[in-house]
């Protein structure tokens, strides 16, 4: 997990403060704001947008798209394999909520609206 200064991802404290027109960045900003995530993970060409470290480690990937396919999961699956974690989240712009089992890892694919409501429960 990384919080390095060199490769740091910068997000405003609240998505309303984002001046970006980049929808991908704005969706990531919203998820970061709601989770208060401080870490991400990157190794070679694999990345996980956020890694929460509470009682357990929870990787979260954010995709600004409705249709999720297997290649969208590669960063999560690689991280879970290395960290020996069996669950992760992929937050998407929309579409159906579902669970995918791949390489011994359960990935919960959750629309951002549902993910945000889970954060408040």
PDB file of N, CA and C in Angstrom:
ATOM      1  N   UNK A   1       0.840  -1.167   0.000  1.00  0.00           N
ATOM      2  CA  UNK A   1       0.000   0.000   0.000  1.00  0.00           C
ATOM      3  C   UNK A   1       0.884   1.228   0.000  1.00  0.00           C
ATOM      4  N   UNK A   2       0.396   2.256  -0.574  1.00  0.00           N
ATOM      5  CA  UNK A   2       1.244   3.417  -0.767  1.00  0.00           C
ATOM      6  C   UNK A   2       0.557   4.702  -0.334  1.00  0.00           C
ATOM      7  N   UNK A   3       1.353   5.533   0.272  1.00  0.00           N
ATOM      8  CA  UNK A   3       0.944   6.912   0.522  1.00  0.00           C
ATOM      9  C   UNK A   3       2.113   7.821   0.139  1.00  0.00           C
ATOM     10  N   UNK A   4       2.908   7.377  -0.836  1.00  0.00           N
ATOM     11  CA  UNK A   4       4.121   8.096  -1.203  1.00  0.00           C
ATOM     12  C   UNK A   4       3.819   9.492  -1.713  1.00  0.00           C
ATOM     13  N   UNK A   5       4.746  10.386  -1.478  1.00  0.00           N
ATOM     14  CA  UNK A   5       4.590  11.753  -1.967  1.00  0.00           C
ATOM     15  C   UNK A   5       4.799  11.810  -3.483  1.00  0.00           C
ATOM     16  N   UNK A   6       5.722  11.023  -3.988  1.00  0.00           N
ATOM     17  CA  UNK A   6       6.071  11.056  -5.403  1.00  0.00           C
ATOM     18  C   UNK A   6       4.897  10.634  -6.289  1.00  0.00           C
ATOM     19  N   UNK A   7       4.206   9.552  -5.927  1.00  0.00           N
ATOM     20  CA  UNK A   7       3.116   9.023  -6.739  1.00  0.00           C
ATOM     21  C   UNK A   7       1.749   9.344  -6.154  1.00  0.00           C
ATOM     22  N   UNK A   8       1.697  10.314  -5.307  1.00  0.00           N
ATOM     23  CA  UNK A   8       0.464  10.624  -4.581  1.00  0.00           C
ATOM     24  C   UNK A   8      -0.682  11.011  -5.512  1.00  0.00           C
ATOM     25  N   UNK A   9      -1.856  10.513  -5.177  1.00  0.00           N
ATOM     26  CA  UNK A   9      -3.069  10.930  -5.861  1.00  0.00           C
ATOM     27  C   UNK A   9      -3.665  12.052  -5.016  1.00  0.00           C
ATOM     28  N   UNK A  10      -4.014  13.142  -5.637  1.00  0.00           N
ATOM     29  CA  UNK A  10      -4.547  14.275  -4.895  1.00  0.00           C
ATOM     30  C   UNK A  10      -6.038  14.424  -5.162  1.00  0.00           C
ATOM     31  N   UNK A  11      -6.798  14.546  -4.101  1.00  0.00           N
ATOM     32  CA  UNK A  11      -8.244  14.731  -4.194  1.00  0.00           C
ATOM     33  C   UNK A  11      -8.642  15.894  -3.306  1.00  0.00           C
ATOM     34  N   UNK A  12      -9.613  16.711  -3.731  1.00  0.00           N
ATOM     35  CA  UNK A  12     -10.124  17.750  -2.834  1.00  0.00           C
ATOM     36  C   UNK A  12     -10.830  17.104  -1.643  1.00  0.00           C
ATOM     37  N   UNK A  13     -11.002  17.841  -0.575  1.00  0.00           N
ATOM     38  CA  UNK A  13     -11.643  17.297   0.621  1.00  0.00           C
ATOM     39  C   UNK A  13     -13.080  16.884   0.379  1.00  0.00           C
ATOM     40  N   UNK A  14     -13.733  17.527  -0.556  1.00  0.00           N
ATOM     41  CA  UNK A  14     -15.126  17.198  -0.863  1.00  0.00           C
ATOM     42  C   UNK A  14     -15.308  17.304  -2.374  1.00  0.00           C
ATOM     43  N   UNK A  15     -16.116  16.414  -2.977  1.00  0.00           N
ATOM     44  CA  UNK A  15     -16.284  16.455  -4.428  1.00  0.00           C
ATOM     45  C   UNK A  15     -16.841  17.777  -4.948  1.00  0.00           C
ATOM     46  N   UNK A  16     -17.555  18.518  -4.133  1.00  0.00           N
ATOM     47  CA  UNK A  16     -18.084  19.815  -4.568  1.00  0.00           C
ATOM     48  C   UNK A  16     -16.958  20.819  -4.828  1.00  0.00           C
ATOM     49  N   UNK A  17     -15.780  20.552  -4.277  1.00  0.00           N
ATOM     50  CA  UNK A  17     -14.642  21.450  -4.469  1.00  0.00           C
ATOM     51  C   UNK A  17     -13.817  21.097  -5.706  1.00  0.00           C
ATOM     52  N   UNK A  18     -14.178  20.020  -6.367  1.00  0.00           N
ATOM     53  CA  UNK A  18     -13.442  19.594  -7.554  1.00  0.00           C
ATOM     54  C   UNK A  18     -13.742  20.523  -8.723  1.00  0.00           C
ATOM     55  N   UNK A  19     -12.702  21.011  -9.343  1.00  0.00           N
ATOM     56  CA  UNK A  19     -12.856  21.875 -10.500  1.00  0.00           C
ATOM     57  C   UNK A  19     -12.673  21.089 -11.796  1.00  0.00           C
ATOM     58  N   UNK A  20     -12.441  19.810 -11.658  1.00  0.00           N
ATOM     59  CA  UNK A  20     -12.170  18.958 -12.808  1.00  0.00           C
ATOM     60  C   UNK A  20     -13.448  18.645 -13.588  1.00  0.00           C
ATOM     61  N   UNK A  21     -13.298  18.554 -14.896  1.00  0.00           N
ATOM     62  CA  UNK A  21     -14.397  18.092 -15.741  1.00  0.00           C
ATOM     63  C   UNK A  21     -14.225  16.612 -16.065  1.00  0.00           C
ATOM     64  N   UNK A  22     -13.200  16.004 -15.481  1.00  0.00           N
ATOM     65  CA  UNK A  22     -12.912  14.588 -15.678  1.00  0.00           C
ATOM     66  C   UNK A  22     -13.861  13.762 -14.800  1.00  0.00           C
ATOM     67  N   UNK A  23     -14.843  13.118 -15.423  1.00  0.00           N
ATOM     68  CA  UNK A  23     -15.845  12.362 -14.676  1.00  0.00           C
ATOM     69  C   UNK A  23     -15.233  11.204 -13.889  1.00  0.00           C
ATOM     70  N   UNK A  24     -14.182  10.583 -14.439  1.00  0.00           N
ATOM     71  CA  UNK A  24     -13.518   9.491 -13.722  1.00  0.00           C
ATOM     72  C   UNK A  24     -12.942  10.006 -12.401  1.00  0.00           C
ATOM     73  N   UNK A  25     -12.245  11.122 -12.472  1.00  0.00           N
ATOM     74  CA  UNK A  25     -11.635  11.710 -11.274  1.00  0.00           C
ATOM     75  C   UNK A  25     -12.700  12.156 -10.282  1.00  0.00           C
ATOM     76  N   UNK A  26     -13.795  12.710 -10.768  1.00  0.00           N
ATOM     77  CA  UNK A  26     -14.859  13.168  -9.869  1.00  0.00           C
ATOM     78  C   UNK A  26     -15.523  12.002  -9.139  1.00  0.00           C
ATOM     79  N   UNK A  27     -15.706  10.876  -9.824  1.00  0.00           N
ATOM     80  CA  UNK A  27     -16.281   9.708  -9.170  1.00  0.00           C
ATOM     81  C   UNK A  27     -15.322   9.161  -8.120  1.00  0.00           C
ATOM     82  N   UNK A  28     -14.030   9.095  -8.451  1.00  0.00           N
ATOM     83  CA  UNK A  28     -13.029   8.668  -7.472  1.00  0.00           C
ATOM     84  C   UNK A  28     -13.023   9.620  -6.279  1.00  0.00           C
ATOM     85  N   UNK A  29     -13.125  10.907  -6.542  1.00  0.00           N
ATOM     86  CA  UNK A  29     -13.127  11.914  -5.484  1.00  0.00           C
ATOM     87  C   UNK A  29     -14.308  11.699  -4.534  1.00  0.00           C
ATOM     88  N   UNK A  30     -15.464  11.397  -5.093  1.00  0.00           N
ATOM     89  CA  UNK A  30     -16.648  11.150  -4.279  1.00  0.00           C
ATOM     90  C   UNK A  30     -16.450   9.937  -3.372  1.00  0.00           C
ATOM     91  N   UNK A  31     -15.945   8.853  -3.925  1.00  0.00           N
ATOM     92  CA  UNK A  31     -15.710   7.638  -3.132  1.00  0.00           C
ATOM     93  C   UNK A  31     -14.646   7.896  -2.070  1.00  0.00           C
ATOM     94  N   UNK A  32     -13.589   8.593  -2.444  1.00  0.00           N
ATOM     95  CA  UNK A  32     -12.527   8.913  -1.473  1.00  0.00           C
ATOM     96  C   UNK A  32     -13.075   9.757  -0.327  1.00  0.00           C
ATOM     97  N   UNK A  33     -13.896  10.736  -0.665  1.00  0.00           N
ATOM     98  CA  UNK A  33     -14.476  11.616   0.347  1.00  0.00           C
ATOM     99  C   UNK A  33     -15.356  10.845   1.326  1.00  0.00           C
ATOM    100  N   UNK A  34     -16.146   9.919   0.815  1.00  0.00           N
ATOM    101  CA  UNK A  34     -17.067   9.165   1.667  1.00  0.00           C
ATOM    102  C   UNK A  34     -16.374   8.094   2.502  1.00  0.00           C
ATOM    103  N   UNK A  35     -15.265   7.562   2.015  1.00  0.00           N
ATOM    104  CA  UNK A  35     -14.566   6.499   2.755  1.00  0.00           C
ATOM    105  C   UNK A  35     -13.421   7.027   3.605  1.00  0.00           C
ATOM    106  N   UNK A  36     -12.978   8.248   3.309  1.00  0.00           N
ATOM    107  CA  UNK A  36     -11.818   8.837   3.974  1.00  0.00           C
ATOM    108  C   UNK A  36     -10.566   7.979   3.774  1.00  0.00           C
ATOM    109  N   UNK A  37     -10.472   7.340   2.633  1.00  0.00           N
ATOM    110  CA  UNK A  37      -9.326   6.483   2.319  1.00  0.00           C
ATOM    111  C   UNK A  37      -8.053   7.313   2.204  1.00  0.00           C
ATOM    112  N   UNK A  38      -6.962   6.759   2.698  1.00  0.00           N
ATOM    113  CA  UNK A  38      -5.682   7.448   2.632  1.00  0.00           C
ATOM    114  C   UNK A  38      -4.649   6.704   1.806  1.00  0.00           C
ATOM    115  N   UNK A  39      -4.940   5.456   1.463  1.00  0.00           N
ATOM    116  CA  UNK A  39      -3.958   4.643   0.749  1.00  0.00           C
ATOM    117  C   UNK A  39      -4.501   4.136  -0.570  1.00  0.00           C
ATOM    118  N   UNK A  40      -3.597   3.885  -1.471  1.00  0.00           N
ATOM    119  CA  UNK A  40      -3.889   3.210  -2.721  1.00  0.00           C
ATOM    120  C   UNK A  40      -2.782   2.198  -2.937  1.00  0.00           C
ATOM    121  N   UNK A  41      -2.894   1.393  -3.963  1.00  0.00           N
ATOM    122  CA  UNK A  41      -1.865   0.402  -4.249  1.00  0.00           C
ATOM    123  C   UNK A  41      -1.563   0.396  -5.734  1.00  0.00           C
ATOM    124  N   UNK A  42      -0.270   0.358  -6.049  1.00  0.00           N
ATOM    125  CA  UNK A  42       0.156   0.306  -7.448  1.00  0.00           C
ATOM    126  C   UNK A  42       1.410  -0.545  -7.536  1.00  0.00           C
ATOM    127  N   UNK A  43       1.399  -1.468  -8.468  1.00  0.00           N
ATOM    128  CA  UNK A  43       2.577  -2.288  -8.737  1.00  0.00           C
ATOM    129  C   UNK A  43       2.594  -2.586 -10.221  1.00  0.00           C
ATOM    130  N   UNK A  44       3.657  -2.145 -10.894  1.00  0.00           N
ATOM    131  CA  UNK A  44       3.782  -2.260 -12.346  1.00  0.00           C
ATOM    132  C   UNK A  44       2.536  -1.687 -13.010  1.00  0.00           C
ATOM    133  N   UNK A  45       1.807  -2.475 -13.772  1.00  0.00           N
ATOM    134  CA  UNK A  45       0.631  -1.929 -14.458  1.00  0.00           C
ATOM    135  C   UNK A  45      -0.673  -2.288 -13.748  1.00  0.00           C
ATOM    136  N   UNK A  46      -0.588  -2.652 -12.479  1.00  0.00           N
ATOM    137  CA  UNK A  46      -1.774  -2.962 -11.673  1.00  0.00           C
ATOM    138  C   UNK A  46      -1.977  -1.866 -10.639  1.00  0.00           C
ATOM    139  N   UNK A  47      -3.257  -1.543 -10.382  1.00  0.00           N
ATOM    140  CA  UNK A  47      -3.558  -0.490  -9.414  1.00  0.00           C
ATOM    141  C   UNK A  47      -4.906  -0.760  -8.749  1.00  0.00           C
ATOM    142  N   UNK A  48      -4.994  -0.373  -7.491  1.00  0.00           N
ATOM    143  CA  UNK A  48      -6.263  -0.334  -6.762  1.00  0.00           C
ATOM    144  C   UNK A  48      -6.408   1.102  -6.282  1.00  0.00           C
ATOM    145  N   UNK A  49      -7.552   1.709  -6.566  1.00  0.00           N
ATOM    146  CA  UNK A  49      -7.734   3.131  -6.269  1.00  0.00           C
ATOM    147  C   UNK A  49      -7.640   3.451  -4.785  1.00  0.00           C
ATOM    148  N   UNK A  50      -8.260   2.628  -3.938  1.00  0.00           N
ATOM    149  CA  UNK A  50      -8.268   2.900  -2.498  1.00  0.00           C
ATOM    150  C   UNK A  50      -8.105   1.607  -1.719  1.00  0.00           C
ATOM    151  N   UNK A  51      -7.377   1.701  -0.631  1.00  0.00           N
ATOM    152  CA  UNK A  51      -7.236   0.574   0.283  1.00  0.00           C
ATOM    153  C   UNK A  51      -7.573   1.087   1.682  1.00  0.00           C
ATOM    154  N   UNK A  52      -8.669   0.569   2.216  1.00  0.00           N
ATOM    155  CA  UNK A  52      -9.071   0.944   3.572  1.00  0.00           C
ATOM    156  C   UNK A  52      -8.397   0.004   4.555  1.00  0.00           C
ATOM    157  N   UNK A  53      -7.876   0.559   5.630  1.00  0.00           N
ATOM    158  CA  UNK A  53      -7.219  -0.249   6.658  1.00  0.00           C
ATOM    159  C   UNK A  53      -7.898   0.034   7.989  1.00  0.00           C
ATOM    160  N   UNK A  54      -8.880  -0.784   8.325  1.00  0.00           N
ATOM    161  CA  UNK A  54      -9.551  -0.688   9.620  1.00  0.00           C
ATOM    162  C   UNK A  54      -9.310  -2.008  10.334  1.00  0.00           C
ATOM    163  N   UNK A  55     -10.381  -2.675  10.759  1.00  0.00           N
ATOM    164  CA  UNK A  55     -10.228  -3.995  11.367  1.00  0.00           C
ATOM    165  C   UNK A  55      -9.643  -4.974  10.351  1.00  0.00           C
ATOM    166  N   UNK A  56      -9.998  -4.763   9.082  1.00  0.00           N
ATOM    167  CA  UNK A  56      -9.423  -5.570   8.012  1.00  0.00           C
ATOM    168  C   UNK A  56      -9.107  -4.665   6.830  1.00  0.00           C
ATOM    169  N   UNK A  57      -8.332  -5.176   5.909  1.00  0.00           N
ATOM    170  CA  UNK A  57      -7.940  -4.423   4.723  1.00  0.00           C
ATOM    171  C   UNK A  57      -9.004  -4.634   3.645  1.00  0.00           C
ATOM    172  N   UNK A  58      -9.494  -3.524   3.075  1.00  0.00           N
ATOM    173  CA  UNK A  58     -10.547  -3.589   2.061  1.00  0.00           C
ATOM    174  C   UNK A  58     -10.099  -2.810   0.825  1.00  0.00           C
ATOM    175  N   UNK A  59      -9.833  -3.510  -0.282  1.00  0.00           N
ATOM    176  CA  UNK A  59      -9.487  -2.813  -1.522  1.00  0.00           C
ATOM    177  C   UNK A  59     -10.737  -2.363  -2.271  1.00  0.00           C
ATOM    178  N   UNK A  60     -10.675  -1.153  -2.833  1.00  0.00           N
ATOM    179  CA  UNK A  60     -11.805  -0.591  -3.577  1.00  0.00           C
ATOM    180  C   UNK A  60     -11.293  -0.031  -4.902  1.00  0.00           C
ATOM    181  N   UNK A  61     -11.862  -0.500  -5.980  1.00  0.00           N
ATOM    182  CA  UNK A  61     -11.565   0.022  -7.313  1.00  0.00           C
ATOM    183  C   UNK A  61     -12.787   0.801  -7.791  1.00  0.00           C
ATOM    184  N   UNK A  62     -12.571   1.933  -8.447  1.00  0.00           N
ATOM    185  CA  UNK A  62     -13.662   2.773  -8.931  1.00  0.00           C
ATOM    186  C   UNK A  62     -13.601   2.808 -10.460  1.00  0.00           C
ATOM    187  N   UNK A  63     -14.723   2.486 -11.093  1.00  0.00           N
ATOM    188  CA  UNK A  63     -14.812   2.514 -12.554  1.00  0.00           C
ATOM    189  C   UNK A  63     -16.014   3.348 -12.965  1.00  0.00           C
ATOM    190  N   UNK A  64     -15.782   4.346 -13.781  1.00  0.00           N
ATOM    191  CA  UNK A  64     -16.855   5.217 -14.252  1.00  0.00           C
ATOM    192  C   UNK A  64     -17.491   4.611 -15.504  1.00  0.00           C
ATOM    193  N   UNK A  65     -18.100   3.452 -15.317  1.00  0.00           N
ATOM    194  CA  UNK A  65     -18.772   2.774 -16.417  1.00  0.00           C
ATOM    195  C   UNK A  65     -19.843   1.868 -15.862  1.00  0.00           C
ATOM    196  N   UNK A  66     -20.783   1.500 -16.691  1.00  0.00           N
ATOM    197  CA  UNK A  66     -21.877   0.643 -16.242  1.00  0.00           C
ATOM    198  C   UNK A  66     -21.583  -0.827 -16.461  1.00  0.00           C
ATOM    199  N   UNK A  67     -20.951  -1.165 -17.576  1.00  0.00           N
ATOM    200  CA  UNK A  67     -20.634  -2.563 -17.868  1.00  0.00           C
ATOM    201  C   UNK A  67     -19.226  -2.881 -17.386  1.00  0.00           C
ATOM    202  N   UNK A  68     -19.149  -3.808 -16.462  1.00  0.00           N
ATOM    203  CA  UNK A  68     -17.865  -4.219 -15.893  1.00  0.00           C
ATOM    204  C   UNK A  68     -17.508  -5.580 -16.477  1.00  0.00           C
ATOM    205  N   UNK A  69     -16.253  -5.714 -16.945  1.00  0.00           N
ATOM    206  CA  UNK A  69     -15.820  -7.018 -17.432  1.00  0.00           C
ATOM    207  C   UNK A  69     -14.583  -7.476 -16.669  1.00  0.00           C
ATOM    208  N   UNK A  70     -14.100  -8.652 -16.982  1.00  0.00           N
ATOM    209  CA  UNK A  70     -13.014  -9.274 -16.215  1.00  0.00           C
ATOM    210  C   UNK A  70     -11.752  -8.407 -16.182  1.00  0.00           C
ATOM    211  N   UNK A  71     -11.435  -7.720 -17.255  1.00  0.00           N
ATOM    212  CA  UNK A  71     -10.192  -6.932 -17.235  1.00  0.00           C
ATOM    213  C   UNK A  71     -10.275  -5.752 -16.263  1.00  0.00           C
ATOM    214  N   UNK A  72     -11.500  -5.317 -15.930  1.00  0.00           N
ATOM    215  CA  UNK A  72     -11.661  -4.259 -14.934  1.00  0.00           C
ATOM    216  C   UNK A  72     -11.299  -4.736 -13.535  1.00  0.00           C
ATOM    217  N   UNK A  73     -11.211  -6.045 -13.355  1.00  0.00           N
ATOM    218  CA  UNK A  73     -10.937  -6.622 -12.042  1.00  0.00           C
ATOM    219  C   UNK A  73      -9.461  -6.927 -11.818  1.00  0.00           C
ATOM    220  N   UNK A  74      -8.603  -6.777 -12.834  1.00  0.00           N
ATOM    221  CA  UNK A  74      -7.234  -7.288 -12.733  1.00  0.00           C
ATOM    222  C   UNK A  74      -6.429  -6.660 -11.594  1.00  0.00           C
ATOM    223  N   UNK A  75      -6.579  -5.374 -11.354  1.00  0.00           N
ATOM    224  CA  UNK A  75      -5.848  -4.743 -10.246  1.00  0.00           C
ATOM    225  C   UNK A  75      -6.310  -5.269  -8.895  1.00  0.00           C
ATOM    226  N   UNK A  76      -7.626  -5.383  -8.720  1.00  0.00           N
ATOM    227  CA  UNK A  76      -8.172  -5.924  -7.467  1.00  0.00           C
ATOM    228  C   UNK A  76      -7.711  -7.354  -7.243  1.00  0.00           C
ATOM    229  N   UNK A  77      -7.785  -8.176  -8.288  1.00  0.00           N
ATOM    230  CA  UNK A  77      -7.387  -9.578  -8.152  1.00  0.00           C
ATOM    231  C   UNK A  77      -5.903  -9.719  -7.831  1.00  0.00           C
ATOM    232  N   UNK A  78      -5.068  -8.904  -8.452  1.00  0.00           N
ATOM    233  CA  UNK A  78      -3.621  -8.950  -8.185  1.00  0.00           C
ATOM    234  C   UNK A  78      -3.341  -8.535  -6.741  1.00  0.00           C
ATOM    235  N   UNK A  79      -3.958  -7.442  -6.295  1.00  0.00           N
ATOM    236  CA  UNK A  79      -3.764  -6.988  -4.920  1.00  0.00           C
ATOM    237  C   UNK A  79      -4.211  -8.060  -3.930  1.00  0.00           C
ATOM    238  N   UNK A  80      -5.397  -8.619  -4.157  1.00  0.00           N
ATOM    239  CA  UNK A  80      -5.929  -9.638  -3.250  1.00  0.00           C
ATOM    240  C   UNK A  80      -5.025 -10.863  -3.204  1.00  0.00           C
ATOM    241  N   UNK A  81      -4.460 -11.225  -4.333  1.00  0.00           N
ATOM    242  CA  UNK A  81      -3.544 -12.360  -4.388  1.00  0.00           C
ATOM    243  C   UNK A  81      -2.286 -12.086  -3.558  1.00  0.00           C
ATOM    244  N   UNK A  82      -1.704 -10.918  -3.743  1.00  0.00           N
ATOM    245  CA  UNK A  82      -0.475 -10.565  -3.020  1.00  0.00           C
ATOM    246  C   UNK A  82      -0.738 -10.400  -1.524  1.00  0.00           C
ATOM    247  N   UNK A  83      -1.841  -9.735  -1.172  1.00  0.00           N
ATOM    248  CA  UNK A  83      -2.155  -9.449   0.239  1.00  0.00           C
ATOM    249  C   UNK A  83      -2.906 -10.593   0.919  1.00  0.00           C
ATOM    250  N   UNK A  84      -3.198 -11.655   0.164  1.00  0.00           N
ATOM    251  CA  UNK A  84      -3.931 -12.811   0.685  1.00  0.00           C
ATOM    252  C   UNK A  84      -5.283 -12.388   1.279  1.00  0.00           C
ATOM    253  N   UNK A  85      -6.007 -11.592   0.497  1.00  0.00           N
ATOM    254  CA  UNK A  85      -7.332 -11.109   0.863  1.00  0.00           C
ATOM    255  C   UNK A  85      -8.328 -11.794  -0.065  1.00  0.00           C
ATOM    256  N   UNK A  86      -9.499 -12.102   0.444  1.00  0.00           N
ATOM    257  CA  UNK A  86     -10.469 -12.868  -0.340  1.00  0.00           C
ATOM    258  C   UNK A  86     -11.712 -12.074  -0.725  1.00  0.00           C
ATOM    259  N   UNK A  87     -11.667 -10.747  -0.540  1.00  0.00           N
ATOM    260  CA  UNK A  87     -12.828  -9.930  -0.874  1.00  0.00           C
ATOM    261  C   UNK A  87     -12.398  -8.521  -1.252  1.00  0.00           C
ATOM    262  N   UNK A  88     -13.079  -7.938  -2.240  1.00  0.00           N
ATOM    263  CA  UNK A  88     -12.816  -6.572  -2.642  1.00  0.00           C
ATOM    264  C   UNK A  88     -14.075  -5.957  -3.207  1.00  0.00           C
ATOM    265  N   UNK A  89     -14.027  -4.641  -3.456  1.00  0.00           N
ATOM    266  CA  UNK A  89     -15.175  -3.918  -3.989  1.00  0.00           C
ATOM    267  C   UNK A  89     -14.789  -3.214  -5.278  1.00  0.00           C
ATOM    268  N   UNK A  90     -15.708  -3.227  -6.220  1.00  0.00           N
ATOM    269  CA  UNK A  90     -15.589  -2.412  -7.403  1.00  0.00           C
ATOM    270  C   UNK A  90     -16.831  -1.519  -7.432  1.00  0.00           C
ATOM    271  N   UNK A  91     -16.607  -0.218  -7.347  1.00  0.00           N
ATOM    272  CA  UNK A  91     -17.698   0.756  -7.348  1.00  0.00           C
ATOM    273  C   UNK A  91     -17.825   1.280  -8.773  1.00  0.00           C
ATOM    274  N   UNK A  92     -19.026   1.151  -9.331  1.00  0.00           N
ATOM    275  CA  UNK A  92     -19.250   1.552 -10.719  1.00  0.00           C
ATOM    276  C   UNK A  92     -20.248   2.705 -10.797  1.00  0.00           C
ATOM    277  N   UNK A  93     -20.321   3.314 -11.952  1.00  0.00           N
ATOM    278  CA  UNK A  93     -21.251   4.427 -12.171  1.00  0.00           C
ATOM    279  C   UNK A  93     -22.699   3.972 -12.063  1.00  0.00           C
ATOM    280  N   UNK A  94     -22.978   2.785 -12.494  1.00  0.00           N
ATOM    281  CA  UNK A  94     -24.356   2.305 -12.469  1.00  0.00           C
ATOM    282  C   UNK A  94     -24.407   0.829 -12.784  1.00  0.00           C
ATOM    283  N   UNK A  95     -25.544   0.380 -13.235  1.00  0.00           N
ATOM    284  CA  UNK A  95     -25.684  -1.028 -13.552  1.00  0.00           C
ATOM    285  C   UNK A  95     -26.156  -1.815 -12.348  1.00  0.00           C
ATOM    286  N   UNK A  96     -26.136  -3.119 -12.485  1.00  0.00           N
ATOM    287  CA  UNK A  96     -26.642  -4.001 -11.444  1.00  0.00           C
ATOM    288  C   UNK A  96     -25.602  -4.270 -10.359  1.00  0.00           C
ATOM    289  N   UNK A  97     -26.102  -4.453  -9.161  1.00  0.00           N
ATOM    290  CA  UNK A  97     -25.260  -4.894  -8.058  1.00  0.00           C
ATOM    291  C   UNK A  97     -25.107  -6.404  -8.190  1.00  0.00           C
ATOM    292  N   UNK A  98     -23.866  -6.878  -8.131  1.00  0.00           N
ATOM    293  CA  UNK A  98     -23.646  -8.317  -8.244  1.00  0.00           C
ATOM    294  C   UNK A  98     -22.323  -8.697  -7.615  1.00  0.00           C
ATOM    295  N   UNK A  99     -22.124  -9.976  -7.496  1.00  0.00           N
ATOM    296  CA  UNK A  99     -20.903 -10.513  -6.921  1.00  0.00           C
ATOM    297  C   UNK A  99     -20.253 -11.429  -7.952  1.00  0.00           C
ATOM    298  N   UNK A 100     -18.942 -11.312  -8.102  1.00  0.00           N
ATOM    299  CA  UNK A 100     -18.197 -12.162  -9.024  1.00  0.00           C
ATOM    300  C   UNK A 100     -17.136 -12.907  -8.220  1.00  0.00           C
ATOM    301  N   UNK A 101     -17.028 -14.180  -8.465  1.00  0.00           N
ATOM    302  CA  UNK A 101     -15.991 -15.006  -7.845  1.00  0.00           C
ATOM    303  C   UNK A 101     -14.933 -15.273  -8.904  1.00  0.00           C
ATOM    304  N   UNK A 102     -13.688 -14.880  -8.640  1.00  0.00           N
ATOM    305  CA  UNK A 102     -12.597 -15.103  -9.587  1.00  0.00           C
ATOM    306  C   UNK A 102     -11.305 -15.346  -8.818  1.00  0.00           C
ATOM    307  N   UNK A 103     -10.592 -16.369  -9.180  1.00  0.00           N
ATOM    308  CA  UNK A 103      -9.301 -16.692  -8.558  1.00  0.00           C
ATOM    309  C   UNK A 103      -9.394 -16.781  -7.034  1.00  0.00           C
ATOM    310  N   UNK A 104     -10.514 -17.294  -6.523  1.00  0.00           N
ATOM    311  CA  UNK A 104     -10.683 -17.441  -5.081  1.00  0.00           C
ATOM    312  C   UNK A 104     -11.006 -16.149  -4.351  1.00  0.00           C
ATOM    313  N   UNK A 105     -11.346 -15.116  -5.098  1.00  0.00           N
ATOM    314  CA  UNK A 105     -11.652 -13.802  -4.515  1.00  0.00           C
ATOM    315  C   UNK A 105     -13.085 -13.429  -4.899  1.00  0.00           C
ATOM    316  N   UNK A 106     -13.840 -12.941  -3.920  1.00  0.00           N
ATOM    317  CA  UNK A 106     -15.190 -12.452  -4.203  1.00  0.00           C
ATOM    318  C   UNK A 106     -15.133 -10.934  -4.364  1.00  0.00           C
ATOM    319  N   UNK A 107     -15.521 -10.479  -5.546  1.00  0.00           N
ATOM    320  CA  UNK A 107     -15.560  -9.048  -5.837  1.00  0.00           C
ATOM    321  C   UNK A 107     -17.013  -8.614  -5.851  1.00  0.00           C
ATOM    322  N   UNK A 108     -17.344  -7.659  -4.987  1.00  0.00           N
ATOM    323  CA  UNK A 108     -18.689  -7.088  -4.946  1.00  0.00           C
ATOM    324  C   UNK A 108     -18.708  -5.886  -5.882  1.00  0.00           C
ATOM    325  N   UNK A 109     -19.511  -5.970  -6.930  1.00  0.00           N
ATOM    326  CA  UNK A 109     -19.661  -4.857  -7.862  1.00  0.00           C
ATOM    327  C   UNK A 109     -20.905  -4.085  -7.429  1.00  0.00           C
ATOM    328  N   UNK A 110     -20.698  -2.830  -7.076  1.00  0.00           N
ATOM    329  CA  UNK A 110     -21.752  -2.041  -6.454  1.00  0.00           C
ATOM    330  C   UNK A 110     -21.865  -0.691  -7.156  1.00  0.00           C
ATOM    331  N   UNK A 111     -23.066  -0.307  -7.582  1.00  0.00           N
ATOM    332  CA  UNK A 111     -23.234   1.056  -8.126  1.00  0.00           C
ATOM    333  C   UNK A 111     -22.908   2.095  -7.050  1.00  0.00           C
ATOM    334  N   UNK A 112     -22.391   3.217  -7.463  1.00  0.00           N
ATOM    335  CA  UNK A 112     -21.953   4.233  -6.511  1.00  0.00           C
ATOM    336  C   UNK A 112     -23.075   4.655  -5.567  1.00  0.00           C
ATOM    337  N   UNK A 113     -24.305   4.740  -6.056  1.00  0.00           N
ATOM    338  CA  UNK A 113     -25.415   5.149  -5.189  1.00  0.00           C
ATOM    339  C   UNK A 113     -25.608   4.150  -4.046  1.00  0.00           C
ATOM    340  N   UNK A 114     -25.521   2.881  -4.340  1.00  0.00           N
ATOM    341  CA  UNK A 114     -25.659   1.843  -3.303  1.00  0.00           C
ATOM    342  C   UNK A 114     -24.451   1.860  -2.363  1.00  0.00           C
ATOM    343  N   UNK A 115     -23.258   2.025  -2.915  1.00  0.00           N
ATOM    344  CA  UNK A 115     -22.048   2.067  -2.100  1.00  0.00           C
ATOM    345  C   UNK A 115     -22.115   3.209  -1.091  1.00  0.00           C
ATOM    346  N   UNK A 116     -22.578   4.367  -1.520  1.00  0.00           N
ATOM    347  CA  UNK A 116     -22.662   5.524  -0.636  1.00  0.00           C
ATOM    348  C   UNK A 116     -23.693   5.272   0.470  1.00  0.00           C
ATOM    349  N   UNK A 117     -24.790   4.594   0.155  1.00  0.00           N
ATOM    350  CA  UNK A 117     -25.771   4.294   1.189  1.00  0.00           C
ATOM    351  C   UNK A 117     -25.217   3.279   2.179  1.00  0.00           C
ATOM    352  N   UNK A 118     -24.375   2.346   1.737  1.00  0.00           N
ATOM    353  CA  UNK A 118     -23.747   1.384   2.650  1.00  0.00           C
ATOM    354  C   UNK A 118     -22.802   2.096   3.615  1.00  0.00           C
ATOM    355  N   UNK A 119     -22.117   3.134   3.141  1.00  0.00           N
ATOM    356  CA  UNK A 119     -21.180   3.878   3.981  1.00  0.00           C
ATOM    357  C   UNK A 119     -21.900   4.594   5.124  1.00  0.00           C
ATOM    358  N   UNK A 120     -23.146   4.922   4.926  1.00  0.00           N
ATOM    359  CA  UNK A 120     -23.890   5.669   5.942  1.00  0.00           C
ATOM    360  C   UNK A 120     -24.585   4.768   6.932  1.00  0.00           C
ATOM    361  N   UNK A 121     -24.646   3.458   6.645  1.00  0.00           N
ATOM    362  CA  UNK A 121     -25.342   2.519   7.558  1.00  0.00           C
ATOM    363  C   UNK A 121     -24.480   2.190   8.753  1.00  0.00           C
TER     364      UNK A 121
END
